[in-house]
N, C-alpha and C. Protein backbone atom coordinates (compact mmCIF):
# COMPACT_ATOMS: atom_id res chain seq x y z
N MET A 1 -75.85 28.71 37.01
CA MET A 1 -75.19 29.58 36.15
C MET A 1 -74.61 31.42 37.14
N GLU A 2 -76.04 31.25 37.82
CA GLU A 2 -75.62 32.56 38.87
C GLU A 2 -74.50 32.33 39.61
N VAL A 3 -74.32 30.87 40.38
CA VAL A 3 -73.08 31.05 41.31
C VAL A 3 -71.86 31.17 40.60
N THR A 4 -71.77 30.53 39.22
CA THR A 4 -70.46 30.74 38.47
C THR A 4 -70.31 32.03 38.08
N HIS A 5 -71.22 32.99 37.18
CA HIS A 5 -71.05 34.41 37.29
C HIS A 5 -70.65 34.89 38.61
N ALA A 6 -71.27 34.52 39.90
CA ALA A 6 -70.66 35.16 40.97
C ALA A 6 -69.15 34.92 41.23
N VAL A 7 -68.43 33.60 41.07
CA VAL A 7 -67.46 33.37 41.04
C VAL A 7 -66.36 34.15 40.16
N HIS A 8 -66.71 33.97 38.66
CA HIS A 8 -66.10 34.54 38.30
C HIS A 8 -66.00 36.28 38.60
N ALA A 9 -66.98 36.98 38.91
CA ALA A 9 -66.80 38.17 39.26
C ALA A 9 -66.23 38.51 40.57
N PHE A 10 -65.82 37.74 41.32
CA PHE A 10 -65.43 37.54 42.56
C PHE A 10 -63.70 37.42 42.06
N VAL A 11 -63.21 36.64 41.59
CA VAL A 11 -62.27 36.35 40.97
C VAL A 11 -61.63 37.65 39.91
N LYS A 12 -62.25 38.06 39.17
CA LYS A 12 -62.24 39.41 38.72
C LYS A 12 -61.76 40.01 39.46
N THR A 13 -62.34 40.38 40.77
CA THR A 13 -62.12 42.12 41.66
C THR A 13 -60.73 41.16 42.40
N LEU A 14 -60.70 40.33 42.61
CA LEU A 14 -59.28 39.96 43.45
C LEU A 14 -58.64 40.38 42.46
N LEU A 15 -58.54 39.99 41.15
CA LEU A 15 -57.07 40.19 40.58
C LEU A 15 -56.95 41.57 40.52
N LEU A 16 -58.36 42.60 40.31
CA LEU A 16 -57.70 43.43 40.15
C LEU A 16 -57.67 44.39 41.62
N LEU A 17 -57.78 43.88 42.78
CA LEU A 17 -57.22 44.38 43.45
C LEU A 17 -54.99 44.11 43.79
N LEU A 18 -55.29 42.60 42.98
CA LEU A 18 -54.21 42.72 43.26
C LEU A 18 -53.21 43.39 42.66
N LEU A 19 -53.79 43.76 41.04
CA LEU A 19 -52.83 44.79 39.87
C LEU A 19 -52.59 46.34 40.27
N TRP A 20 -54.15 46.58 41.43
CA TRP A 20 -53.88 47.99 41.98
C TRP A 20 -52.99 47.76 43.27
N SER A 21 -52.64 46.71 44.00
CA SER A 21 -52.03 46.66 44.76
C SER A 21 -50.14 46.80 44.09
N GLN A 22 -49.95 46.06 43.31
CA GLN A 22 -48.85 46.21 42.75
C GLN A 22 -48.12 47.48 42.19
N CYS A 23 -48.95 47.91 41.69
CA CYS A 23 -49.02 49.20 41.03
C CYS A 23 -48.71 50.08 41.80
N GLU A 24 -49.61 50.20 43.17
CA GLU A 24 -49.33 51.11 44.60
C GLU A 24 -47.83 50.96 44.36
N GLY A 25 -47.21 49.26 44.58
CA GLY A 25 -46.11 49.20 45.18
C GLY A 25 -44.83 49.90 44.56
N ARG A 26 -45.50 50.04 43.09
CA ARG A 26 -44.71 50.70 42.25
C ARG A 26 -44.14 52.00 42.33
N GLU A 27 -45.40 52.60 42.91
CA GLU A 27 -45.27 53.87 42.76
C GLU A 27 -44.71 54.30 43.95
N SER A 28 -44.68 53.06 44.92
CA SER A 28 -43.44 53.87 45.94
C SER A 28 -42.63 53.60 45.93
N GLU A 29 -42.03 52.20 45.01
CA GLU A 29 -40.59 52.35 44.54
C GLU A 29 -40.01 53.50 43.98
N LEU A 30 -40.88 54.01 42.65
CA LEU A 30 -40.15 55.21 41.92
C LEU A 30 -39.96 56.32 42.71
N SER A 31 -40.58 56.71 44.42
CA SER A 31 -40.43 57.79 44.84
C SER A 31 -38.39 57.37 45.90
N HIS A 32 -38.17 56.73 45.67
CA HIS A 32 -36.80 56.48 46.00
C HIS A 32 -35.94 56.62 45.54
N VAL A 33 -34.53 56.88 45.79
CA VAL A 33 -33.75 56.72 44.79
C VAL A 33 -32.93 55.90 44.65
N THR A 34 -32.34 55.51 43.46
CA THR A 34 -32.24 53.83 42.86
C THR A 34 -30.48 53.89 42.64
N CYS A 35 -30.45 52.80 42.25
CA CYS A 35 -28.73 52.53 42.23
C CYS A 35 -28.83 52.86 40.39
N GLY A 36 -27.88 53.54 40.43
CA GLY A 36 -27.78 54.07 38.99
C GLY A 36 -27.83 55.07 38.49
N SER A 37 -28.58 55.90 39.58
CA SER A 37 -29.56 57.03 39.05
C SER A 37 -28.28 57.93 39.10
N LEU A 38 -29.12 59.09 38.12
CA LEU A 38 -27.97 60.71 37.70
C LEU A 38 -28.78 61.42 38.31
N LEU A 39 -28.38 62.45 39.40
CA LEU A 39 -29.02 63.30 40.00
C LEU A 39 -27.68 63.98 40.30
N LYS A 40 -28.34 65.39 40.77
CA LYS A 40 -27.80 66.04 41.38
C LYS A 40 -28.28 66.40 43.06
N LEU A 41 -27.11 67.05 44.31
CA LEU A 41 -27.28 66.83 45.42
C LEU A 41 -27.35 68.26 46.00
N LEU A 42 -28.36 68.83 46.98
CA LEU A 42 -28.75 70.35 47.44
C LEU A 42 -28.61 70.35 48.79
N ASN A 43 -27.53 70.93 48.65
CA ASN A 43 -26.95 71.18 50.54
C ASN A 43 -28.40 72.21 51.54
N THR A 44 -29.06 71.56 51.72
CA THR A 44 -30.25 72.61 52.50
C THR A 44 -30.13 73.71 52.91
N ARG A 45 -28.91 73.51 53.89
CA ARG A 45 -28.42 74.70 54.39
C ARG A 45 -28.28 76.06 53.77
N HIS A 46 -27.65 75.91 52.61
CA HIS A 46 -26.65 76.82 52.68
C HIS A 46 -27.45 77.17 50.78
N ASN A 47 -27.84 76.46 50.10
CA ASN A 47 -28.58 76.30 48.91
C ASN A 47 -27.86 76.26 47.90
N VAL A 48 -27.04 75.41 48.03
CA VAL A 48 -26.00 75.07 46.96
C VAL A 48 -25.75 73.66 46.66
N ARG A 49 -25.80 73.31 45.43
CA ARG A 49 -25.43 71.93 44.94
C ARG A 49 -24.13 71.30 44.72
N LEU A 50 -23.93 69.82 44.81
CA LEU A 50 -22.64 69.54 44.99
C LEU A 50 -22.02 69.54 43.33
N HIS A 51 -20.90 69.55 43.27
CA HIS A 51 -20.56 70.41 41.87
C HIS A 51 -18.32 70.00 41.96
N SER A 52 -18.83 69.31 40.77
CA SER A 52 -17.32 69.47 40.63
C SER A 52 -16.69 69.39 38.98
N HIS A 53 -15.35 69.73 39.04
CA HIS A 53 -14.82 70.11 37.35
C HIS A 53 -13.64 69.85 37.34
N ASP A 54 -13.34 69.70 35.99
CA ASP A 54 -11.45 69.33 36.15
C ASP A 54 -10.42 70.30 36.52
N VAL A 55 -11.03 70.94 37.61
CA VAL A 55 -10.35 71.71 38.09
C VAL A 55 -8.93 71.03 39.45
N LYS A 56 -7.77 71.26 39.55
CA LYS A 56 -7.53 70.56 40.75
C LYS A 56 -6.87 71.71 41.94
N TYR A 57 -7.05 71.11 42.95
CA TYR A 57 -6.65 72.08 44.09
C TYR A 57 -5.57 72.07 43.74
N GLY A 58 -4.71 73.54 44.63
CA GLY A 58 -3.73 74.04 44.48
C GLY A 58 -2.62 73.85 45.64
N SER A 59 -3.29 73.06 46.43
CA SER A 59 -3.24 73.15 48.38
C SER A 59 -3.65 70.96 48.54
N GLY A 60 -2.57 70.52 49.22
CA GLY A 60 -3.84 69.29 49.85
C GLY A 60 -3.11 68.08 48.79
N SER A 61 -4.39 67.65 48.74
CA SER A 61 -3.73 66.72 47.36
C SER A 61 -3.91 66.94 46.17
N GLY A 62 -4.15 68.24 45.84
CA GLY A 62 -3.79 68.31 44.47
C GLY A 62 -5.05 67.38 43.47
N GLN A 63 -6.43 67.05 43.97
CA GLN A 63 -6.65 66.13 43.59
C GLN A 63 -7.81 67.44 42.79
N GLN A 64 -8.64 66.32 42.22
CA GLN A 64 -9.64 67.22 41.73
C GLN A 64 -10.74 67.69 42.43
N SER A 65 -11.10 69.15 42.34
CA SER A 65 -11.45 70.10 43.52
C SER A 65 -13.59 69.96 43.53
N VAL A 66 -13.97 69.50 44.34
CA VAL A 66 -15.51 69.89 44.48
C VAL A 66 -15.67 70.58 45.07
N THR A 67 -16.76 71.47 44.55
CA THR A 67 -17.61 72.60 45.71
C THR A 67 -18.75 72.38 45.44
N GLY A 68 -19.60 73.23 45.89
CA GLY A 68 -20.76 73.58 46.22
C GLY A 68 -20.99 75.11 45.56
N VAL A 69 -22.43 74.89 44.19
CA VAL A 69 -22.50 76.13 43.45
C VAL A 69 -24.45 76.22 43.39
N GLU A 70 -24.31 78.05 43.33
CA GLU A 70 -25.68 78.30 43.74
C GLU A 70 -26.70 77.91 42.03
N ASN A 71 -25.75 77.47 40.94
CA ASN A 71 -26.38 77.53 39.42
C ASN A 71 -27.25 76.05 39.37
N ALA A 72 -28.26 76.17 39.20
CA ALA A 72 -29.25 74.65 39.35
C ALA A 72 -29.01 74.16 38.05
N ASP A 73 -28.30 74.70 36.96
CA ASP A 73 -28.78 74.16 35.96
C ASP A 73 -26.65 73.62 35.55
N ASP A 74 -26.12 73.88 35.85
CA ASP A 74 -24.23 73.88 35.58
C ASP A 74 -24.48 72.03 35.62
N ALA A 75 -24.11 71.52 33.92
CA ALA A 75 -24.13 69.94 34.07
C ALA A 75 -22.69 69.74 34.62
N ASN A 76 -21.84 70.32 35.27
CA ASN A 76 -20.66 69.81 36.17
C ASN A 76 -21.89 69.15 37.19
N SER A 77 -22.62 69.18 37.94
CA SER A 77 -23.63 69.10 39.36
C SER A 77 -24.16 67.26 38.96
N TYR A 78 -24.06 67.11 37.99
CA TYR A 78 -24.81 65.87 38.19
C TYR A 78 -23.97 64.41 38.50
N TRP A 79 -24.21 63.48 39.66
CA TRP A 79 -23.28 62.86 40.26
C TRP A 79 -24.40 60.93 40.03
N GLN A 80 -23.84 60.22 39.92
CA GLN A 80 -24.33 58.82 39.63
C GLN A 80 -24.33 58.02 40.85
N ILE A 81 -24.93 57.44 41.20
CA ILE A 81 -25.24 56.66 42.60
C ILE A 81 -25.18 55.64 42.23
N ARG A 82 -23.80 54.66 42.77
CA ARG A 82 -23.63 53.40 42.37
C ARG A 82 -23.25 52.95 43.89
N GLY A 83 -22.93 51.28 43.39
CA GLY A 83 -22.44 50.20 44.49
C GLY A 83 -21.21 50.83 44.74
N LYS A 84 -20.47 50.32 46.11
CA LYS A 84 -19.00 50.35 46.99
C LYS A 84 -18.36 49.56 45.84
N PRO A 85 -16.93 49.44 46.16
CA PRO A 85 -16.01 48.56 45.28
C PRO A 85 -15.96 47.42 45.13
N ASN A 86 -15.99 46.80 44.13
CA ASN A 86 -16.17 45.13 44.22
C ASN A 86 -17.76 44.72 44.58
N ARG A 87 -18.64 45.69 45.04
CA ARG A 87 -19.92 45.06 45.28
C ARG A 87 -21.11 45.93 44.45
N PRO A 88 -20.85 46.00 42.95
CA PRO A 88 -22.36 46.69 42.41
C PRO A 88 -24.31 46.37 42.95
N CYS A 89 -24.53 47.93 43.03
CA CYS A 89 -26.12 47.18 43.29
C CYS A 89 -26.36 47.02 42.05
N GLN A 90 -27.65 46.66 42.32
CA GLN A 90 -28.95 46.13 41.25
C GLN A 90 -29.15 47.44 40.66
N ARG A 91 -29.21 47.13 39.44
CA ARG A 91 -29.38 48.36 38.88
C ARG A 91 -30.85 48.97 39.26
N GLY A 92 -31.69 50.00 39.58
CA GLY A 92 -32.36 50.47 39.66
C GLY A 92 -32.91 49.93 41.09
N ALA A 93 -32.55 49.63 41.69
CA ALA A 93 -32.64 48.81 42.94
C ALA A 93 -32.66 49.95 44.20
N ALA A 94 -33.88 50.23 45.07
CA ALA A 94 -33.90 51.10 46.06
C ALA A 94 -32.60 51.40 46.71
N ILE A 95 -31.98 52.55 47.21
CA ILE A 95 -30.66 52.55 48.02
C ILE A 95 -31.68 52.37 49.36
N LYS A 96 -30.48 51.29 50.65
CA LYS A 96 -31.15 51.88 51.77
C LYS A 96 -30.99 52.72 53.01
N CYS A 97 -31.10 52.77 53.95
CA CYS A 97 -30.49 53.51 54.77
C CYS A 97 -29.30 52.71 55.65
N GLY A 98 -28.43 53.38 55.47
CA GLY A 98 -27.41 52.41 56.09
C GLY A 98 -26.53 52.33 55.39
N GLN A 99 -26.79 52.22 53.82
CA GLN A 99 -26.01 51.20 52.77
C GLN A 99 -24.91 52.23 51.75
N ALA A 100 -23.74 51.52 51.95
CA ALA A 100 -22.46 51.74 51.10
C ALA A 100 -22.77 52.22 49.83
N ILE A 101 -22.30 53.53 49.40
CA ILE A 101 -22.61 53.65 47.78
C ILE A 101 -21.06 54.46 47.84
N ARG A 102 -20.81 54.78 46.05
CA ARG A 102 -20.45 55.42 45.47
C ARG A 102 -21.22 56.45 44.82
N ILE A 103 -20.25 57.67 44.99
CA ILE A 103 -20.70 58.82 43.89
C ILE A 103 -20.14 58.97 43.12
N THR A 104 -20.30 59.05 41.64
CA THR A 104 -19.64 59.39 40.62
C THR A 104 -20.15 60.84 40.06
N HIS A 105 -18.68 61.65 39.50
CA HIS A 105 -18.73 62.73 38.57
C HIS A 105 -19.69 62.34 37.49
N MET A 106 -20.45 62.85 36.67
CA MET A 106 -20.95 62.20 35.46
C MET A 106 -20.07 62.68 34.50
N LYS A 107 -19.17 63.91 34.46
CA LYS A 107 -18.46 64.71 33.62
C LYS A 107 -17.05 64.31 33.67
N THR A 108 -17.02 63.97 34.72
CA THR A 108 -15.31 63.23 34.75
C THR A 108 -14.69 61.82 35.00
N SER A 109 -16.11 61.27 35.21
CA SER A 109 -16.31 59.88 36.02
C SER A 109 -15.57 59.34 37.17
N ARG A 110 -14.76 60.61 38.09
CA ARG A 110 -14.18 60.27 39.25
C ARG A 110 -15.24 60.42 40.32
N ASN A 111 -14.97 59.66 41.52
CA ASN A 111 -15.68 59.26 42.62
C ASN A 111 -15.44 60.70 44.01
N LEU A 112 -16.24 60.83 44.45
CA LEU A 112 -16.18 61.48 45.65
C LEU A 112 -15.85 60.78 46.96
N HIS A 113 -14.53 61.92 47.39
CA HIS A 113 -13.59 61.19 47.90
C HIS A 113 -12.99 62.32 49.15
N THR A 114 -12.60 61.47 50.14
CA THR A 114 -12.07 62.06 51.35
C THR A 114 -10.47 61.70 51.81
N HIS A 115 -10.09 61.86 52.61
CA HIS A 115 -9.14 61.57 53.49
C HIS A 115 -8.38 62.68 54.18
N SER A 116 -6.97 62.37 54.94
CA SER A 116 -6.55 62.89 55.82
C SER A 116 -6.04 64.86 55.46
N PHE A 117 -6.22 65.00 54.20
CA PHE A 117 -5.62 66.37 53.75
C PHE A 117 -6.68 67.74 54.21
N ILE A 118 -6.10 68.22 54.78
CA ILE A 118 -6.84 69.43 55.37
C ILE A 118 -7.29 70.27 53.96
N SER A 119 -8.53 71.26 54.44
CA SER A 119 -9.57 71.84 53.49
C SER A 119 -8.78 73.20 53.41
N PRO A 120 -8.72 73.70 52.14
CA PRO A 120 -8.28 74.81 51.70
C PRO A 120 -8.48 76.14 52.96
N LEU A 121 -9.94 76.16 52.72
CA LEU A 121 -10.60 76.99 53.33
C LEU A 121 -10.94 77.03 54.64
N SER A 122 -11.34 76.05 54.77
CA SER A 122 -12.35 76.21 56.51
C SER A 122 -11.15 74.94 57.76
N ASN A 123 -10.26 74.34 57.07
CA ASN A 123 -9.42 73.60 58.10
C ASN A 123 -10.40 72.48 58.23
N ASN A 124 -11.58 72.01 57.96
CA ASN A 124 -11.65 70.82 57.95
C ASN A 124 -11.24 69.67 57.51
N GLN A 125 -11.68 68.84 56.57
CA GLN A 125 -11.33 67.62 56.38
C GLN A 125 -11.46 67.97 53.90
N GLU A 126 -10.45 67.85 53.46
CA GLU A 126 -11.02 68.13 52.14
C GLU A 126 -11.26 66.72 51.40
N VAL A 127 -12.05 67.20 50.38
CA VAL A 127 -13.44 66.13 49.84
C VAL A 127 -12.65 66.61 48.38
N SER A 128 -12.79 65.24 47.59
CA SER A 128 -12.03 66.31 46.02
C SER A 128 -12.54 64.30 45.11
N ALA A 129 -12.28 64.77 43.96
CA ALA A 129 -13.38 63.31 43.13
C ALA A 129 -12.01 62.76 42.45
N PHE A 130 -11.85 61.66 42.99
CA PHE A 130 -10.42 60.92 42.73
C PHE A 130 -10.85 59.42 41.54
N GLY A 131 -10.12 59.02 41.03
CA GLY A 131 -10.30 57.61 40.40
C GLY A 131 -9.93 58.27 38.85
N GLU A 132 -9.90 57.46 37.84
CA GLU A 132 -10.21 57.28 36.59
C GLU A 132 -11.16 56.49 36.01
N ASN A 133 -12.49 56.80 35.01
CA ASN A 133 -13.30 55.87 35.13
C ASN A 133 -14.09 55.17 35.41
N GLY A 134 -14.35 55.92 36.93
CA GLY A 134 -15.21 55.79 37.71
C GLY A 134 -14.54 54.72 38.52
N GLU A 135 -13.67 54.53 38.55
CA GLU A 135 -12.75 53.34 39.73
C GLU A 135 -11.64 54.07 40.36
N GLY A 136 -11.16 54.04 41.97
CA GLY A 136 -10.73 54.86 42.51
C GLY A 136 -10.22 53.56 43.93
N ASP A 137 -10.82 54.14 44.54
CA ASP A 137 -10.46 52.88 45.81
C ASP A 137 -10.95 53.11 47.08
N ASP A 138 -10.69 52.66 47.97
CA ASP A 138 -11.73 52.41 49.14
C ASP A 138 -12.35 53.58 50.10
N LEU A 139 -11.58 54.87 49.70
CA LEU A 139 -12.25 56.34 50.32
C LEU A 139 -12.91 56.66 49.38
N ASP A 140 -13.48 56.28 48.84
CA ASP A 140 -14.71 56.71 47.61
C ASP A 140 -16.13 56.23 48.17
N THR A 141 -16.00 55.67 49.39
CA THR A 141 -17.24 55.12 50.07
C THR A 141 -17.87 55.67 50.85
N TRP A 142 -18.68 55.90 51.21
CA TRP A 142 -20.06 56.88 51.90
C TRP A 142 -21.08 55.89 52.26
N THR A 143 -22.00 56.00 52.74
CA THR A 143 -23.24 55.11 53.92
C THR A 143 -24.21 56.65 53.52
N VAL A 144 -25.59 56.13 53.55
CA VAL A 144 -26.47 56.98 53.43
C VAL A 144 -27.05 57.14 54.60
N GLN A 145 -27.29 58.19 55.71
CA GLN A 145 -27.68 58.11 56.70
C GLN A 145 -29.23 58.85 56.35
N CYS A 146 -30.72 58.07 56.71
CA CYS A 146 -31.56 58.78 56.68
C CYS A 146 -32.82 57.72 58.20
N ASP A 147 -33.75 58.17 58.25
CA ASP A 147 -34.43 57.68 59.43
C ASP A 147 -35.06 56.47 58.57
N GLY A 148 -35.82 56.02 57.44
CA GLY A 148 -36.89 55.14 57.60
C GLY A 148 -36.02 53.93 56.52
N ASP A 149 -36.33 53.23 56.13
CA ASP A 149 -35.84 51.47 55.19
C ASP A 149 -34.98 52.37 53.99
N HIS A 150 -35.26 53.08 53.00
CA HIS A 150 -34.77 53.78 52.20
C HIS A 150 -34.30 54.93 51.94
N TRP A 151 -34.15 55.35 50.63
CA TRP A 151 -33.40 56.84 50.69
C TRP A 151 -34.58 57.52 50.16
N GLU A 152 -35.36 58.24 50.80
CA GLU A 152 -36.63 58.80 50.06
C GLU A 152 -36.00 60.17 49.11
N ARG A 153 -36.85 60.14 47.65
CA ARG A 153 -35.97 61.32 46.98
C ARG A 153 -36.28 62.82 47.95
N ASP A 154 -37.35 62.56 48.43
CA ASP A 154 -37.57 64.35 49.02
C ASP A 154 -37.30 64.42 50.57
N GLU A 155 -36.60 63.52 50.89
CA GLU A 155 -35.91 63.51 52.04
C GLU A 155 -34.54 64.31 52.20
N ALA A 156 -34.33 64.90 53.13
CA ALA A 156 -33.02 65.31 53.58
C ALA A 156 -31.73 63.92 53.94
N VAL A 157 -30.81 63.60 53.99
CA VAL A 157 -30.01 62.62 54.06
C VAL A 157 -28.91 63.99 54.30
N ARG A 158 -27.80 62.68 54.96
CA ARG A 158 -26.41 62.41 55.38
C ARG A 158 -25.78 61.26 54.45
N PHE A 159 -24.33 62.00 54.40
CA PHE A 159 -23.15 61.14 53.78
C PHE A 159 -22.27 60.43 54.89
N LYS A 160 -22.37 59.97 55.17
CA LYS A 160 -21.07 59.59 56.51
C LYS A 160 -19.94 58.55 55.58
N HIS A 161 -18.70 59.55 55.90
CA HIS A 161 -17.78 58.65 54.71
C HIS A 161 -17.32 57.31 55.63
N VAL A 162 -16.98 55.97 54.89
CA VAL A 162 -16.61 54.71 55.74
C VAL A 162 -14.93 55.45 56.21
N GLY A 163 -14.45 55.19 55.28
CA GLY A 163 -12.88 55.92 56.21
C GLY A 163 -12.79 56.52 57.22
N THR A 164 -13.25 57.20 57.15
CA THR A 164 -12.64 58.32 58.60
C THR A 164 -14.04 59.08 58.96
N ASP A 165 -15.09 58.84 58.78
CA ASP A 165 -15.98 58.83 59.76
C ASP A 165 -16.10 59.99 59.92
N VAL A 166 -16.04 61.07 58.64
CA VAL A 166 -16.74 62.42 58.53
C VAL A 166 -18.07 62.56 57.87
N PHE A 167 -18.91 63.41 57.72
CA PHE A 167 -19.65 64.06 56.74
C PHE A 167 -19.78 64.43 55.91
N LEU A 168 -20.41 64.70 55.03
CA LEU A 168 -20.38 65.60 53.58
C LEU A 168 -20.74 67.10 54.20
N SER A 169 -20.39 67.66 54.26
CA SER A 169 -20.75 69.34 54.53
C SER A 169 -20.10 70.46 53.63
N VAL A 170 -21.13 71.24 54.24
CA VAL A 170 -20.77 72.93 53.26
C VAL A 170 -20.97 73.57 54.79
N THR A 171 -19.76 74.86 54.60
CA THR A 171 -20.14 75.81 55.96
C THR A 171 -20.05 77.26 54.95
N GLY A 172 -19.72 77.43 53.65
CA GLY A 172 -20.24 78.54 53.19
C GLY A 172 -18.99 79.50 52.95
N GLU A 173 -17.75 78.95 53.30
CA GLU A 173 -16.65 79.63 52.36
C GLU A 173 -16.23 80.00 51.13
N GLN A 174 -16.06 80.40 50.10
CA GLN A 174 -16.01 81.14 48.94
C GLN A 174 -14.95 80.89 48.51
N TYR A 175 -14.35 80.59 47.61
CA TYR A 175 -13.62 80.64 46.87
C TYR A 175 -13.08 81.45 46.29
N GLY A 176 -12.00 82.09 45.45
CA GLY A 176 -11.58 82.99 44.73
C GLY A 176 -11.13 82.35 43.66
N HIS A 177 -10.48 83.24 42.53
CA HIS A 177 -10.19 82.58 40.75
C HIS A 177 -9.33 81.09 41.56
N PRO A 178 -9.76 79.80 40.81
CA PRO A 178 -10.13 80.30 39.17
C PRO A 178 -11.76 79.98 39.21
N ILE A 179 -12.19 79.75 40.93
CA ILE A 179 -13.47 79.04 40.39
C ILE A 179 -14.25 80.64 41.66
N ARG A 180 -14.04 81.02 41.58
CA ARG A 180 -14.82 82.68 42.26
C ARG A 180 -16.34 82.58 42.45
N GLY A 181 -16.52 82.40 44.06
CA GLY A 181 -17.79 82.06 44.06
C GLY A 181 -18.26 80.91 44.54
N GLN A 182 -17.64 80.04 44.35
CA GLN A 182 -17.95 78.65 44.66
C GLN A 182 -17.79 78.09 46.29
N ARG A 183 -18.51 77.09 46.98
CA ARG A 183 -18.66 77.28 48.17
C ARG A 183 -17.45 75.66 48.42
N GLU A 184 -16.86 76.01 49.26
CA GLU A 184 -16.09 75.03 50.01
C GLU A 184 -16.89 73.53 50.15
N VAL A 185 -16.78 72.61 49.59
CA VAL A 185 -17.42 70.89 50.29
C VAL A 185 -16.31 70.34 51.33
N HIS A 186 -16.70 69.87 52.10
CA HIS A 186 -15.32 69.52 53.07
C HIS A 186 -15.83 68.08 54.04
N GLY A 187 -15.31 67.88 54.75
CA GLY A 187 -16.08 66.31 55.60
C GLY A 187 -15.84 67.13 57.28
N MET A 188 -16.87 66.83 57.68
CA MET A 188 -17.14 67.49 59.28
C MET A 188 -17.20 65.95 60.24
N SER A 189 -16.74 66.20 61.90
CA SER A 189 -16.64 64.75 62.29
C SER A 189 -17.60 65.24 63.04
N SER A 190 -18.85 65.77 62.97
CA SER A 190 -19.85 65.28 63.57
C SER A 190 -20.98 65.60 62.62
N PRO A 191 -22.54 65.06 62.91
CA PRO A 191 -23.24 65.81 62.50
C PRO A 191 -23.90 66.63 63.20
N ASN A 192 -24.68 67.76 61.47
CA ASN A 192 -25.68 69.08 62.34
C ASN A 192 -25.89 69.61 60.97
N GLN A 193 -26.19 70.95 61.02
CA GLN A 193 -27.53 71.70 59.90
C GLN A 193 -26.34 72.00 58.78
N HIS A 194 -25.31 71.61 58.89
CA HIS A 194 -24.46 71.63 58.12
C HIS A 194 -24.16 70.35 56.42
N ASN A 195 -24.66 69.47 57.00
CA ASN A 195 -24.88 68.55 56.26
C ASN A 195 -26.19 67.44 55.80
N TRP A 196 -26.88 68.60 56.10
CA TRP A 196 -28.03 67.98 55.39
C TRP A 196 -27.81 67.83 53.50
N TRP A 197 -28.63 67.10 52.67
CA TRP A 197 -28.46 66.69 51.63
C TRP A 197 -29.93 66.27 50.96
N ARG A 198 -29.91 66.71 49.59
CA ARG A 198 -31.27 66.26 49.15
C ARG A 198 -31.67 66.12 47.56
N SER A 199 -32.04 65.36 46.92
CA SER A 199 -31.63 64.56 45.56
C SER A 199 -32.42 65.61 44.85
N MET A 200 -32.11 66.39 43.52
CA MET A 200 -33.16 67.28 43.34
C MET A 200 -32.94 66.99 41.90
N GLU A 201 -32.96 67.42 40.43
CA GLU A 201 -32.91 67.43 39.18
C GLU A 201 -32.11 65.94 38.96
N GLY A 202 -32.95 65.19 37.96
CA GLY A 202 -32.25 64.10 37.80
C GLY A 202 -33.07 62.80 36.94
N VAL A 203 -32.09 61.73 36.71
CA VAL A 203 -33.02 60.55 35.96
C VAL A 203 -32.95 59.43 36.88
N PHE A 204 -33.84 59.26 37.31
CA PHE A 204 -34.00 58.11 38.25
C PHE A 204 -34.13 57.00 38.03
N ILE A 205 -33.48 55.76 38.05
CA ILE A 205 -33.67 54.75 37.35
C ILE A 205 -34.92 53.81 38.24
N GLN A 206 -36.08 53.43 37.17
CA GLN A 206 -36.34 52.62 38.02
C GLN A 206 -36.61 51.27 38.27
N PRO A 207 -36.84 51.04 39.18
CA PRO A 207 -37.01 49.11 39.41
C PRO A 207 -37.30 48.15 38.26
N SER A 208 -36.31 47.35 37.90
CA SER A 208 -37.29 46.53 37.35
C SER A 208 -38.43 46.12 37.35
N GLN A 209 -39.69 45.67 36.72
CA GLN A 209 -41.09 45.27 36.35
C GLN A 209 -41.10 44.34 35.35
N VAL A 210 -41.42 43.56 36.76
CA VAL A 210 -42.49 42.57 35.58
C VAL A 210 -43.42 42.12 35.10
N PRO A 211 -44.01 41.96 33.93
CA PRO A 211 -44.98 42.69 33.51
C PRO A 211 -46.38 41.51 34.45
N LEU A 212 -47.12 42.34 34.79
CA LEU A 212 -48.12 41.55 35.19
C LEU A 212 -49.36 40.29 34.14
N ARG A 213 -49.36 39.12 34.41
CA ARG A 213 -50.65 38.43 33.19
C ARG A 213 -51.92 38.87 33.78
N HIS A 214 -52.95 39.31 32.62
CA HIS A 214 -54.30 39.67 33.57
C HIS A 214 -55.28 38.95 32.48
N ASP A 215 -54.76 38.28 31.23
CA ASP A 215 -55.89 38.10 31.01
C ASP A 215 -57.23 37.30 31.11
N GLU A 216 -57.46 37.10 32.59
CA GLU A 216 -58.56 36.96 32.72
C GLU A 216 -59.46 37.90 33.15
N LEU A 217 -58.84 39.23 32.74
CA LEU A 217 -59.79 40.22 32.90
C LEU A 217 -60.20 40.94 31.31
């Protein structure tokens, strides 16, 4: 009888350890930026959030402008993390370092985009928001550059454009009317202090969770 009780206690302990390890793993997953998450991105050098609105550039491509704003509460600074064209990522899956993604503006459903046009203030490469209803072209694709296996929510990362090899950057130039005070966002050819970004406010989609059976407990 005592042996049976000891075995039962041992099995119960193993199951508790398994349950604990699963929970620990899920807590770790929740520290990642995941596919489908809606978030704001802060440029850590200039303390501005990536922003867009239905205002077109007056030069260059004439596409929807992308800027940086200091106001943390602006609803036009929310972006959704998505898979690249024709390769959707699994909803809730942690984004890997080096993974190709699209960054889609919530309010206008246009994708973060860059191309060969010159940016209006700094003469770097213009960054715009492009497409309709979340669909644009191959120049909407960026890779996440980070140090570990996955994009951690509290770490600074870089975004490198797949088509032209520039880095999403801010160097501080400010616009006048009609977007006075907003900073120019552009592409730069080299990694430097101006192209670090960190995820901030948002809704982070949780990974799919299969409930553990623990009837024996």
